[in-house]
């Protein structure tokens, strides 16, 4: 005589319908000032909810609307539709421009991360001032990464999700190539530090093949 199969243990409470899960996630994302990860959503939702699936449905629901559900790194957030961005601008807003040193340092970190201060200086050909790095850290566009397993164990720098969010990128792999940057007027025709002997196509190929964002 064989033993009867053990009954499947079920939760005392059924998960809310998917439409209700979408509503709850929608409320959380609208109320949050920062992008929210799936893990954070799961910790807030009732037991048995599937935030990943609900996000898929919610993203489709907002297609073509005034706001879109976008992915920022490992998190999700609502953002104004790109074609309506001009409506959000204010003439009184004064934008602070980064110095050329800060732009070069930020570009090197974005395209070569994780990268140490010594490597940044080697690529630029000049020393990196503490003020330049402090400014980028204050903007929360870069952060400290893992230490290199080399003598002295130097700290590395990587870009942050705030950097990705500010420039509308899902990941650092979506960074534009040098041709696009120059076409947009964000770079002049002078070569970036360390790129004088390499063509634009070679630089773009390198970026596409490298693992840019640290785990």
N, C-alpha and C. Protein backbone atom coordinates (compact mmCIF):
# COMPACT_ATOMS: atom_id res chain seq x y z
N UNK A 1 0.85 -1.19 0.00
CA UNK A 1 0.00 0.00 0.00
C UNK A 1 0.89 1.24 0.00
N UNK A 2 0.68 2.10 -0.95
CA UNK A 2 1.52 3.30 -1.06
C UNK A 2 0.94 4.42 -0.22
N UNK A 3 1.84 5.23 0.26
CA UNK A 3 1.40 6.38 1.06
C UNK A 3 0.74 7.42 0.17
N UNK A 4 -0.27 8.03 0.69
CA UNK A 4 -0.96 9.09 -0.06
C UNK A 4 -0.06 10.31 -0.14
N UNK A 5 -0.05 11.03 -1.27
CA UNK A 5 0.78 12.23 -1.40
C UNK A 5 0.39 13.28 -0.38
N UNK A 6 1.41 13.96 0.14
CA UNK A 6 1.15 15.00 1.12
C UNK A 6 0.44 16.18 0.46
N UNK A 7 -0.53 16.74 1.14
CA UNK A 7 -1.25 17.88 0.54
C UNK A 7 -0.32 19.07 0.35
N UNK A 8 -0.53 19.79 -0.74
CA UNK A 8 0.28 20.97 -1.03
C UNK A 8 -0.09 22.09 -0.07
N UNK A 9 0.93 22.62 0.59
CA UNK A 9 0.68 23.69 1.55
C UNK A 9 0.30 24.97 0.80
N UNK A 10 -0.78 25.59 1.19
CA UNK A 10 -1.24 26.80 0.53
C UNK A 10 -1.25 27.96 1.53
N UNK A 11 -1.07 29.15 1.02
CA UNK A 11 -1.08 30.33 1.86
C UNK A 11 -2.50 30.56 2.38
N UNK A 12 -2.59 31.13 3.58
CA UNK A 12 -3.90 31.45 4.14
C UNK A 12 -4.58 32.56 3.35
N UNK A 13 -3.79 33.36 2.65
CA UNK A 13 -4.33 34.48 1.91
C UNK A 13 -3.94 34.37 0.45
N UNK A 14 -4.90 34.49 -0.44
CA UNK A 14 -4.63 34.45 -1.86
C UNK A 14 -4.00 35.78 -2.29
N UNK A 15 -3.12 35.71 -3.29
CA UNK A 15 -2.51 36.93 -3.82
C UNK A 15 -3.59 37.77 -4.50
N UNK A 16 -3.49 39.08 -4.40
CA UNK A 16 -4.48 39.95 -5.07
C UNK A 16 -4.47 39.71 -6.57
N UNK A 17 -5.57 40.00 -7.25
CA UNK A 17 -5.58 39.88 -8.72
C UNK A 17 -4.49 40.75 -9.34
N UNK A 18 -4.05 40.37 -10.53
CA UNK A 18 -2.95 41.09 -11.18
C UNK A 18 -3.28 42.57 -11.37
N UNK A 19 -4.54 42.87 -11.69
CA UNK A 19 -4.93 44.28 -11.87
C UNK A 19 -4.72 45.07 -10.58
N UNK A 20 -4.99 44.43 -9.44
CA UNK A 20 -4.79 45.11 -8.16
C UNK A 20 -3.31 45.25 -7.84
N UNK A 21 -2.50 44.25 -8.22
CA UNK A 21 -1.06 44.35 -8.04
C UNK A 21 -0.49 45.52 -8.85
N UNK A 22 -1.00 45.68 -10.08
CA UNK A 22 -0.57 46.81 -10.91
C UNK A 22 -0.89 48.13 -10.22
N UNK A 23 -2.09 48.24 -9.64
CA UNK A 23 -2.49 49.48 -8.96
C UNK A 23 -1.57 49.78 -7.79
N UNK A 24 -1.22 48.75 -7.03
CA UNK A 24 -0.36 48.96 -5.86
C UNK A 24 1.04 49.40 -6.29
N UNK A 25 1.59 48.76 -7.32
CA UNK A 25 2.91 49.15 -7.81
C UNK A 25 2.87 50.55 -8.39
N UNK A 26 1.80 50.87 -9.09
CA UNK A 26 1.64 52.20 -9.66
C UNK A 26 1.68 53.25 -8.55
N UNK A 27 0.99 52.98 -7.45
CA UNK A 27 0.96 53.92 -6.32
C UNK A 27 2.34 54.09 -5.70
N UNK A 28 3.06 52.97 -5.55
CA UNK A 28 4.40 53.02 -4.94
C UNK A 28 5.35 53.83 -5.80
N UNK A 29 5.34 53.58 -7.10
CA UNK A 29 6.26 54.27 -8.00
C UNK A 29 5.97 55.76 -8.09
N UNK A 30 4.69 56.13 -8.10
CA UNK A 30 4.35 57.54 -8.18
C UNK A 30 4.74 58.28 -6.90
N UNK A 31 4.68 57.59 -5.76
CA UNK A 31 4.98 58.23 -4.48
C UNK A 31 6.47 58.26 -4.18
N UNK A 32 7.25 57.46 -4.89
CA UNK A 32 8.69 57.36 -4.60
C UNK A 32 9.48 58.42 -5.36
N UNK A 33 10.40 59.09 -4.66
CA UNK A 33 11.26 60.09 -5.30
C UNK A 33 12.40 59.43 -6.06
N UNK A 34 12.70 58.17 -5.75
CA UNK A 34 13.79 57.45 -6.38
C UNK A 34 13.25 56.21 -7.08
N UNK A 35 13.96 55.71 -8.11
CA UNK A 35 13.54 54.44 -8.74
C UNK A 35 13.48 53.32 -7.71
N UNK A 36 12.57 52.38 -7.91
CA UNK A 36 12.33 51.29 -6.95
C UNK A 36 12.66 49.96 -7.60
N UNK A 37 13.39 49.10 -6.88
CA UNK A 37 13.76 47.79 -7.40
C UNK A 37 12.62 46.79 -7.22
N UNK A 38 12.71 45.69 -7.94
CA UNK A 38 11.71 44.63 -7.82
C UNK A 38 11.73 44.06 -6.40
N UNK A 39 12.92 43.91 -5.82
CA UNK A 39 13.02 43.38 -4.46
C UNK A 39 12.31 44.29 -3.46
N UNK A 40 12.45 45.61 -3.65
CA UNK A 40 11.76 46.55 -2.76
C UNK A 40 10.25 46.47 -2.94
N UNK A 41 9.81 46.33 -4.18
CA UNK A 41 8.38 46.18 -4.42
C UNK A 41 7.84 44.92 -3.77
N UNK A 42 8.59 43.84 -3.92
CA UNK A 42 8.15 42.55 -3.36
C UNK A 42 8.02 42.62 -1.85
N UNK A 43 8.93 43.39 -1.20
CA UNK A 43 8.87 43.49 0.26
C UNK A 43 7.67 44.30 0.73
N UNK A 44 7.13 45.16 -0.13
CA UNK A 44 5.99 45.99 0.25
C UNK A 44 4.65 45.37 -0.11
N UNK A 45 4.63 44.56 -1.15
CA UNK A 45 3.37 43.99 -1.62
C UNK A 45 2.94 42.81 -0.76
N UNK A 46 1.64 42.47 -0.79
CA UNK A 46 1.15 41.31 -0.05
C UNK A 46 1.82 40.01 -0.51
N UNK A 47 1.81 39.02 0.36
CA UNK A 47 2.43 37.73 0.06
C UNK A 47 1.81 37.11 -1.20
N UNK A 48 2.67 36.57 -2.07
CA UNK A 48 2.20 35.90 -3.27
C UNK A 48 2.15 36.77 -4.50
N UNK A 49 2.41 38.07 -4.35
CA UNK A 49 2.39 38.97 -5.51
C UNK A 49 3.60 38.72 -6.41
N UNK A 50 3.45 39.04 -7.67
CA UNK A 50 4.52 38.89 -8.66
C UNK A 50 4.82 40.26 -9.27
N UNK A 51 5.67 41.07 -8.60
CA UNK A 51 5.91 42.44 -9.10
C UNK A 51 6.55 42.47 -10.47
N UNK A 52 7.37 41.49 -10.81
CA UNK A 52 8.02 41.49 -12.12
C UNK A 52 6.97 41.39 -13.23
N UNK A 53 6.01 40.49 -13.07
CA UNK A 53 4.96 40.34 -14.09
C UNK A 53 4.06 41.56 -14.11
N UNK A 54 3.75 42.09 -12.93
CA UNK A 54 2.90 43.27 -12.86
C UNK A 54 3.55 44.46 -13.55
N UNK A 55 4.87 44.58 -13.44
CA UNK A 55 5.59 45.67 -14.09
C UNK A 55 5.49 45.57 -15.61
N UNK A 56 5.52 44.33 -16.13
CA UNK A 56 5.39 44.13 -17.58
C UNK A 56 4.04 44.64 -18.06
N UNK A 57 2.97 44.27 -17.34
CA UNK A 57 1.63 44.72 -17.72
C UNK A 57 1.50 46.23 -17.57
N UNK A 58 2.08 46.78 -16.50
CA UNK A 58 1.98 48.21 -16.24
C UNK A 58 2.72 49.01 -17.30
N UNK A 59 3.88 48.49 -17.73
CA UNK A 59 4.64 49.19 -18.78
C UNK A 59 3.83 49.27 -20.08
N UNK A 60 3.17 48.18 -20.44
CA UNK A 60 2.34 48.18 -21.64
C UNK A 60 1.17 49.14 -21.50
N UNK A 61 0.61 49.21 -20.30
CA UNK A 61 -0.54 50.08 -20.07
C UNK A 61 -0.17 51.56 -20.28
N UNK A 62 1.09 51.91 -20.01
CA UNK A 62 1.51 53.31 -20.11
C UNK A 62 2.16 53.64 -21.44
N UNK A 63 2.20 52.71 -22.37
CA UNK A 63 2.75 53.00 -23.69
C UNK A 63 1.89 54.05 -24.38
N UNK A 64 2.54 55.09 -24.92
CA UNK A 64 1.82 56.14 -25.61
C UNK A 64 1.20 57.18 -24.71
N UNK A 65 1.40 57.06 -23.38
CA UNK A 65 0.83 58.04 -22.46
C UNK A 65 1.82 59.17 -22.20
N UNK A 66 1.43 60.13 -21.38
CA UNK A 66 2.28 61.27 -21.07
C UNK A 66 3.47 60.92 -20.20
N UNK A 67 3.35 59.84 -19.44
CA UNK A 67 4.47 59.33 -18.65
C UNK A 67 4.70 57.88 -19.04
N UNK A 68 5.96 57.45 -18.96
CA UNK A 68 6.32 56.07 -19.29
C UNK A 68 6.92 55.39 -18.07
N UNK A 69 6.73 54.10 -17.99
CA UNK A 69 7.41 53.30 -16.97
C UNK A 69 8.74 52.85 -17.57
N UNK A 70 9.83 53.30 -16.98
CA UNK A 70 11.15 53.01 -17.54
C UNK A 70 11.99 52.25 -16.51
N UNK A 71 13.01 51.57 -17.03
CA UNK A 71 13.94 50.86 -16.18
C UNK A 71 15.20 51.70 -16.02
N UNK A 72 15.66 51.85 -14.79
CA UNK A 72 16.87 52.59 -14.47
C UNK A 72 17.80 51.66 -13.72
N UNK A 73 18.78 51.10 -14.42
CA UNK A 73 19.63 50.10 -13.78
C UNK A 73 18.80 48.88 -13.40
N UNK A 74 18.77 48.55 -12.11
CA UNK A 74 17.98 47.42 -11.62
C UNK A 74 16.63 47.88 -11.06
N UNK A 75 16.31 49.15 -11.20
CA UNK A 75 15.10 49.70 -10.61
C UNK A 75 14.15 50.21 -11.69
N UNK A 76 12.97 50.66 -11.26
CA UNK A 76 11.94 51.13 -12.19
C UNK A 76 11.37 52.45 -11.68
N UNK A 77 10.94 53.30 -12.61
CA UNK A 77 10.40 54.61 -12.24
C UNK A 77 9.52 55.14 -13.37
N UNK A 78 8.65 56.08 -13.02
CA UNK A 78 7.85 56.78 -14.02
C UNK A 78 8.61 58.03 -14.45
N UNK A 79 8.65 58.26 -15.75
CA UNK A 79 9.33 59.44 -16.29
C UNK A 79 8.47 60.06 -17.40
N UNK A 80 8.60 61.37 -17.56
CA UNK A 80 7.87 62.07 -18.62
C UNK A 80 8.25 61.51 -19.98
N UNK A 81 7.27 61.35 -20.85
CA UNK A 81 7.54 60.88 -22.21
C UNK A 81 8.57 61.80 -22.87
N UNK A 82 9.58 61.23 -23.55
CA UNK A 82 10.66 62.06 -24.13
C UNK A 82 10.17 63.20 -25.01
N UNK A 83 9.09 62.96 -25.78
CA UNK A 83 8.64 64.01 -26.70
C UNK A 83 7.89 65.14 -25.99
N UNK A 84 7.64 64.98 -24.69
CA UNK A 84 6.95 66.03 -23.93
C UNK A 84 7.88 66.73 -22.94
N UNK A 85 9.16 66.40 -23.01
CA UNK A 85 10.11 66.97 -22.07
C UNK A 85 10.18 68.48 -22.12
N UNK A 86 9.92 69.07 -23.29
CA UNK A 86 10.01 70.52 -23.41
C UNK A 86 8.97 71.24 -22.56
N UNK A 87 7.88 70.55 -22.22
CA UNK A 87 6.83 71.16 -21.41
C UNK A 87 7.26 71.33 -19.95
N UNK A 88 8.28 70.57 -19.54
CA UNK A 88 8.71 70.60 -18.15
C UNK A 88 9.80 71.65 -17.89
N UNK A 89 10.31 72.26 -18.95
CA UNK A 89 11.42 73.19 -18.80
C UNK A 89 10.95 74.53 -18.27
N UNK A 90 11.81 75.15 -17.48
CA UNK A 90 11.55 76.48 -16.96
C UNK A 90 12.67 77.41 -17.41
N UNK A 91 12.29 78.57 -17.88
CA UNK A 91 13.27 79.52 -18.38
C UNK A 91 14.17 80.04 -17.26
N UNK A 92 13.70 79.95 -16.01
CA UNK A 92 14.46 80.52 -14.91
C UNK A 92 15.52 79.55 -14.38
N UNK A 93 15.49 78.30 -14.84
CA UNK A 93 16.44 77.31 -14.35
C UNK A 93 17.81 77.59 -14.95
N UNK A 94 18.81 77.71 -14.08
CA UNK A 94 20.17 77.94 -14.53
C UNK A 94 20.97 76.66 -14.36
N UNK A 95 21.45 76.12 -15.44
CA UNK A 95 22.19 74.87 -15.39
C UNK A 95 23.67 75.14 -15.13
N UNK A 96 24.22 74.37 -14.20
CA UNK A 96 25.64 74.48 -13.90
C UNK A 96 26.41 73.59 -14.88
N UNK A 97 27.39 74.17 -15.52
CA UNK A 97 28.19 73.41 -16.46
C UNK A 97 29.42 72.85 -15.76
N UNK A 98 29.70 71.59 -16.06
CA UNK A 98 30.91 70.97 -15.52
C UNK A 98 32.13 71.52 -16.25
N UNK A 99 33.23 71.58 -15.53
CA UNK A 99 34.48 71.98 -16.16
C UNK A 99 34.91 70.89 -17.15
N UNK A 100 35.81 71.25 -18.06
CA UNK A 100 36.31 70.26 -19.02
C UNK A 100 36.98 69.11 -18.28
N UNK A 101 37.69 69.42 -17.19
CA UNK A 101 38.35 68.37 -16.41
C UNK A 101 37.32 67.40 -15.83
N UNK A 102 36.19 67.95 -15.33
CA UNK A 102 35.15 67.09 -14.75
C UNK A 102 34.48 66.26 -15.83
N UNK A 103 34.22 66.86 -17.01
CA UNK A 103 33.60 66.12 -18.11
C UNK A 103 34.50 64.99 -18.57
N UNK A 104 35.80 65.27 -18.71
CA UNK A 104 36.74 64.24 -19.15
C UNK A 104 36.81 63.12 -18.12
N UNK A 105 36.87 63.49 -16.84
CA UNK A 105 36.95 62.48 -15.78
C UNK A 105 35.69 61.62 -15.76
N UNK A 106 34.52 62.27 -15.88
CA UNK A 106 33.25 61.53 -15.89
C UNK A 106 33.18 60.60 -17.09
N UNK A 107 33.61 61.09 -18.27
CA UNK A 107 33.58 60.26 -19.47
C UNK A 107 34.48 59.04 -19.33
N UNK A 108 35.67 59.25 -18.76
CA UNK A 108 36.61 58.14 -18.59
C UNK A 108 36.03 57.10 -17.65
N UNK A 109 35.40 57.55 -16.55
CA UNK A 109 34.81 56.60 -15.60
C UNK A 109 33.66 55.84 -16.26
N UNK A 110 32.80 56.56 -17.03
CA UNK A 110 31.64 55.92 -17.65
C UNK A 110 32.05 54.87 -18.67
N UNK A 111 33.08 55.18 -19.46
CA UNK A 111 33.46 54.28 -20.55
C UNK A 111 34.51 53.24 -20.15
N UNK A 112 35.18 53.42 -19.02
CA UNK A 112 36.25 52.49 -18.63
C UNK A 112 36.03 51.85 -17.26
N UNK A 113 34.88 52.09 -16.63
CA UNK A 113 34.66 51.60 -15.28
C UNK A 113 34.72 50.08 -15.19
N UNK A 114 35.11 49.57 -14.01
CA UNK A 114 35.65 50.29 -12.86
C UNK A 114 37.08 50.75 -13.12
N UNK A 115 37.40 52.00 -12.75
CA UNK A 115 38.69 52.57 -13.07
C UNK A 115 39.26 53.29 -11.84
N UNK A 116 40.56 53.19 -11.63
CA UNK A 116 41.21 53.83 -10.49
C UNK A 116 41.62 55.26 -10.84
N UNK A 117 41.96 56.03 -9.81
CA UNK A 117 42.42 57.41 -10.04
C UNK A 117 43.69 57.41 -10.90
N UNK A 118 44.59 56.47 -10.63
CA UNK A 118 45.84 56.40 -11.40
C UNK A 118 45.55 56.12 -12.87
N UNK A 119 44.57 55.26 -13.14
CA UNK A 119 44.22 54.94 -14.52
C UNK A 119 43.57 56.14 -15.21
N UNK A 120 42.75 56.91 -14.46
CA UNK A 120 42.15 58.12 -15.02
C UNK A 120 43.25 59.11 -15.40
N UNK A 121 44.23 59.27 -14.50
CA UNK A 121 45.33 60.21 -14.77
C UNK A 121 46.17 59.74 -15.94
N UNK A 122 46.34 58.42 -16.08
CA UNK A 122 47.12 57.89 -17.20
C UNK A 122 46.42 58.17 -18.53
N UNK A 123 45.09 58.02 -18.55
CA UNK A 123 44.32 58.26 -19.77
C UNK A 123 44.29 59.75 -20.11
N UNK A 124 44.06 60.59 -19.08
CA UNK A 124 43.99 62.04 -19.32
C UNK A 124 45.35 62.64 -19.61
N UNK A 125 46.40 62.05 -19.01
CA UNK A 125 47.73 62.61 -19.19
C UNK A 125 48.07 63.69 -18.20
N UNK A 126 47.14 64.00 -17.28
CA UNK A 126 47.38 65.00 -16.24
C UNK A 126 46.78 64.49 -14.94
N UNK A 127 47.18 65.10 -13.83
CA UNK A 127 46.67 64.69 -12.52
C UNK A 127 45.21 65.08 -12.37
N UNK A 128 44.47 64.27 -11.63
CA UNK A 128 43.07 64.54 -11.35
C UNK A 128 42.98 65.21 -9.98
N UNK A 129 42.45 66.42 -9.95
CA UNK A 129 42.36 67.14 -8.68
C UNK A 129 41.29 66.51 -7.80
N UNK A 130 41.47 66.65 -6.50
CA UNK A 130 40.50 66.10 -5.56
C UNK A 130 39.15 66.80 -5.72
N UNK A 131 39.20 68.11 -6.05
CA UNK A 131 37.95 68.85 -6.21
C UNK A 131 37.10 68.32 -7.35
N UNK A 132 37.74 67.87 -8.43
CA UNK A 132 36.99 67.33 -9.57
C UNK A 132 36.24 66.07 -9.18
N UNK A 133 36.94 65.16 -8.50
CA UNK A 133 36.29 63.92 -8.06
C UNK A 133 35.21 64.21 -7.02
N UNK A 134 35.50 65.14 -6.08
CA UNK A 134 34.51 65.48 -5.05
C UNK A 134 33.24 66.06 -5.67
N UNK A 135 33.39 66.85 -6.74
CA UNK A 135 32.22 67.43 -7.39
C UNK A 135 31.34 66.34 -7.99
N UNK A 136 31.95 65.37 -8.64
CA UNK A 136 31.19 64.27 -9.25
C UNK A 136 30.55 63.39 -8.19
N UNK A 137 31.25 63.20 -7.06
CA UNK A 137 30.68 62.43 -5.95
C UNK A 137 29.50 63.19 -5.34
N UNK A 138 29.64 64.52 -5.23
CA UNK A 138 28.56 65.34 -4.65
C UNK A 138 27.32 65.31 -5.53
N UNK A 139 27.53 65.28 -6.84
CA UNK A 139 26.40 65.18 -7.77
C UNK A 139 25.77 63.79 -7.74
N UNK A 140 26.47 62.85 -7.11
CA UNK A 140 26.04 61.44 -7.04
C UNK A 140 25.98 60.82 -8.42
N UNK A 141 26.89 61.26 -9.30
CA UNK A 141 27.00 60.66 -10.63
C UNK A 141 28.06 59.56 -10.66
N UNK A 142 28.96 59.55 -9.68
CA UNK A 142 29.93 58.46 -9.55
C UNK A 142 29.93 58.01 -8.09
N UNK A 143 30.43 56.82 -7.87
CA UNK A 143 30.56 56.30 -6.52
C UNK A 143 31.81 55.43 -6.45
N UNK A 144 32.19 55.07 -5.23
CA UNK A 144 33.34 54.21 -5.05
C UNK A 144 32.96 52.78 -5.42
N UNK A 145 33.80 52.12 -6.19
CA UNK A 145 33.57 50.72 -6.55
C UNK A 145 34.44 49.80 -5.71
N UNK A 146 34.64 48.60 -6.20
CA UNK A 146 35.46 47.64 -5.48
C UNK A 146 36.93 48.01 -5.57
N UNK A 147 37.68 47.60 -4.56
CA UNK A 147 39.13 47.83 -4.58
C UNK A 147 39.79 46.81 -5.50
N UNK A 148 40.82 47.27 -6.20
CA UNK A 148 41.57 46.39 -7.09
C UNK A 148 42.45 45.46 -6.27
N UNK A 149 42.53 44.22 -6.70
CA UNK A 149 43.40 43.25 -6.02
C UNK A 149 44.82 43.40 -6.54
N UNK A 150 45.36 44.60 -6.39
CA UNK A 150 46.73 44.91 -6.79
C UNK A 150 47.42 45.58 -5.61
N UNK A 151 48.75 45.72 -5.66
CA UNK A 151 49.46 46.36 -4.54
C UNK A 151 48.84 47.70 -4.17
N UNK A 152 48.60 47.87 -2.88
CA UNK A 152 47.96 49.09 -2.40
C UNK A 152 46.45 49.03 -2.41
N UNK A 153 45.88 48.04 -3.12
CA UNK A 153 44.44 47.86 -3.23
C UNK A 153 43.73 49.19 -3.49
N UNK A 154 44.05 49.86 -4.62
CA UNK A 154 43.43 51.16 -4.90
C UNK A 154 41.93 51.04 -5.13
N UNK A 155 41.21 52.06 -4.71
CA UNK A 155 39.77 52.08 -4.90
C UNK A 155 39.45 52.42 -6.34
N UNK A 156 38.34 51.93 -6.84
CA UNK A 156 37.90 52.23 -8.20
C UNK A 156 36.67 53.13 -8.16
N UNK A 157 36.35 53.70 -9.31
CA UNK A 157 35.17 54.55 -9.45
C UNK A 157 34.26 53.98 -10.53
N UNK A 158 32.94 54.05 -10.31
CA UNK A 158 31.94 53.62 -11.29
C UNK A 158 30.83 54.66 -11.30
N UNK A 159 30.04 54.69 -12.38
CA UNK A 159 28.90 55.61 -12.44
C UNK A 159 27.74 55.04 -11.64
N UNK A 160 26.82 55.90 -11.25
CA UNK A 160 25.69 55.52 -10.40
C UNK A 160 24.39 55.45 -11.19
N UNK A 161 23.34 54.95 -10.53
CA UNK A 161 22.03 54.93 -11.15
C UNK A 161 21.49 56.35 -11.33
N UNK A 162 21.92 57.29 -10.45
CA UNK A 162 21.52 58.69 -10.63
C UNK A 162 22.07 59.24 -11.93
N UNK A 163 23.29 58.84 -12.29
CA UNK A 163 23.89 59.24 -13.57
C UNK A 163 23.06 58.69 -14.73
N UNK A 164 22.71 57.41 -14.64
CA UNK A 164 21.91 56.79 -15.69
C UNK A 164 20.55 57.47 -15.81
N UNK A 165 19.94 57.74 -14.65
CA UNK A 165 18.62 58.36 -14.64
C UNK A 165 18.67 59.76 -15.23
N UNK A 166 19.69 60.54 -14.89
CA UNK A 166 19.81 61.91 -15.38
C UNK A 166 19.91 61.97 -16.90
N UNK A 167 20.64 61.00 -17.49
CA UNK A 167 20.85 61.00 -18.93
C UNK A 167 19.91 60.05 -19.66
N UNK A 168 18.91 59.51 -18.94
CA UNK A 168 17.90 58.67 -19.58
C UNK A 168 18.43 57.36 -20.11
N UNK A 169 19.36 56.74 -19.38
CA UNK A 169 19.96 55.48 -19.81
C UNK A 169 19.45 54.34 -18.95
N UNK A 170 19.23 53.18 -19.58
CA UNK A 170 18.84 51.99 -18.82
C UNK A 170 20.05 51.37 -18.16
N UNK A 171 21.17 51.37 -18.84
CA UNK A 171 22.42 50.86 -18.30
C UNK A 171 23.57 51.59 -18.96
N UNK A 172 24.78 51.40 -18.42
CA UNK A 172 25.94 52.07 -18.99
C UNK A 172 26.25 51.57 -20.39
N UNK A 173 25.71 50.43 -20.77
CA UNK A 173 25.92 49.92 -22.13
C UNK A 173 25.21 50.79 -23.18
N UNK A 174 24.26 51.62 -22.71
CA UNK A 174 23.52 52.48 -23.64
C UNK A 174 24.20 53.81 -23.88
N UNK A 175 25.40 54.00 -23.35
CA UNK A 175 26.12 55.26 -23.58
C UNK A 175 26.34 55.48 -25.07
N UNK A 176 26.19 56.71 -25.54
CA UNK A 176 26.40 56.98 -26.97
C UNK A 176 27.86 56.87 -27.35
N UNK A 177 28.11 56.63 -28.64
CA UNK A 177 29.48 56.60 -29.13
C UNK A 177 30.00 58.01 -29.33
N UNK A 178 31.26 58.12 -29.65
CA UNK A 178 31.90 59.42 -29.82
C UNK A 178 31.26 60.21 -30.95
N UNK A 179 30.85 59.53 -32.03
CA UNK A 179 30.23 60.24 -33.15
C UNK A 179 28.93 60.90 -32.72
N UNK A 180 28.13 60.19 -31.92
CA UNK A 180 26.86 60.74 -31.46
C UNK A 180 27.09 61.92 -30.52
N UNK A 181 28.12 61.81 -29.65
CA UNK A 181 28.40 62.90 -28.73
C UNK A 181 28.82 64.16 -29.48
N UNK A 182 29.63 64.00 -30.49
CA UNK A 182 30.08 65.16 -31.26
C UNK A 182 28.92 65.74 -32.09
N UNK A 183 28.06 64.87 -32.63
CA UNK A 183 26.93 65.34 -33.42
C UNK A 183 25.95 66.13 -32.56
N UNK A 184 25.86 65.76 -31.27
CA UNK A 184 24.97 66.47 -30.35
C UNK A 184 25.61 67.72 -29.77
N UNK A 185 26.87 67.98 -30.13
CA UNK A 185 27.55 69.17 -29.64
C UNK A 185 28.10 69.02 -28.24
N UNK A 186 28.11 67.79 -27.70
CA UNK A 186 28.61 67.57 -26.35
C UNK A 186 30.11 67.40 -26.31
N UNK A 187 30.73 67.18 -27.45
CA UNK A 187 32.18 67.09 -27.55
C UNK A 187 32.63 67.90 -28.75
N UNK A 188 33.81 68.54 -28.62
CA UNK A 188 34.35 69.22 -29.78
C UNK A 188 35.14 68.22 -30.61
N UNK A 189 35.82 68.67 -31.61
CA UNK A 189 36.52 67.76 -32.52
C UNK A 189 37.86 67.29 -31.99
N UNK A 190 38.25 67.83 -30.84
CA UNK A 190 39.49 67.34 -30.26
C UNK A 190 39.28 65.93 -29.72
N UNK A 191 40.27 65.04 -29.86
CA UNK A 191 40.09 63.67 -29.37
C UNK A 191 40.04 63.65 -27.85
N UNK A 192 39.28 62.70 -27.31
CA UNK A 192 39.27 62.50 -25.87
C UNK A 192 40.63 62.03 -25.40
N UNK A 193 41.00 62.32 -24.14
CA UNK A 193 42.29 61.87 -23.63
C UNK A 193 42.45 60.37 -23.80
N UNK A 194 43.60 59.95 -24.30
CA UNK A 194 43.87 58.53 -24.47
C UNK A 194 43.33 57.94 -25.73
N UNK A 195 42.64 58.75 -26.56
CA UNK A 195 42.02 58.20 -27.78
C UNK A 195 42.66 58.74 -29.05
N UNK A 196 43.79 59.42 -28.92
CA UNK A 196 44.40 60.06 -30.08
C UNK A 196 44.83 59.06 -31.13
N UNK A 197 45.18 57.85 -30.71
CA UNK A 197 45.68 56.86 -31.66
C UNK A 197 44.61 55.86 -32.06
N UNK A 198 43.34 56.11 -31.65
CA UNK A 198 42.28 55.17 -31.95
C UNK A 198 41.17 55.90 -32.67
N UNK A 199 40.50 55.20 -33.57
CA UNK A 199 39.40 55.79 -34.32
C UNK A 199 38.12 55.71 -33.52
N UNK A 200 37.10 56.47 -33.94
CA UNK A 200 35.80 56.43 -33.27
C UNK A 200 35.21 55.03 -33.30
N UNK A 201 35.34 54.36 -34.46
CA UNK A 201 34.76 53.02 -34.59
C UNK A 201 35.41 52.07 -33.61
N UNK A 202 36.73 52.20 -33.42
CA UNK A 202 37.42 51.31 -32.49
C UNK A 202 36.96 51.58 -31.07
N UNK A 203 36.77 52.87 -30.71
CA UNK A 203 36.31 53.20 -29.37
C UNK A 203 34.93 52.63 -29.13
N UNK A 204 34.02 52.77 -30.12
CA UNK A 204 32.66 52.28 -29.94
C UNK A 204 32.64 50.76 -29.83
N UNK A 205 33.50 50.09 -30.60
CA UNK A 205 33.54 48.64 -30.53
C UNK A 205 34.02 48.19 -29.15
N UNK A 206 34.99 48.92 -28.59
CA UNK A 206 35.50 48.56 -27.27
C UNK A 206 34.42 48.71 -26.22
N UNK A 207 33.66 49.82 -26.30
CA UNK A 207 32.59 50.03 -25.34
C UNK A 207 31.55 48.94 -25.44
N UNK A 208 31.20 48.56 -26.65
CA UNK A 208 30.17 47.55 -26.83
C UNK A 208 30.57 46.19 -26.32
N UNK A 209 31.89 45.90 -26.30
CA UNK A 209 32.34 44.58 -25.92
C UNK A 209 32.67 44.48 -24.44
N UNK A 210 32.77 45.61 -23.74
CA UNK A 210 33.21 45.57 -22.35
C UNK A 210 32.02 45.52 -21.40
N UNK A 211 32.25 45.00 -20.23
CA UNK A 211 31.24 44.96 -19.19
C UNK A 211 31.37 46.25 -18.39
N UNK A 212 30.48 47.21 -18.66
CA UNK A 212 30.70 48.57 -18.15
C UNK A 212 30.21 48.78 -16.74
N UNK A 213 29.12 48.14 -16.35
CA UNK A 213 28.54 48.44 -15.04
C UNK A 213 28.91 47.36 -14.06
N UNK A 214 29.46 47.76 -12.92
CA UNK A 214 29.94 46.80 -11.94
C UNK A 214 28.78 46.09 -11.27
N UNK A 215 28.97 44.81 -10.98
CA UNK A 215 27.93 44.03 -10.28
C UNK A 215 27.76 44.54 -8.86
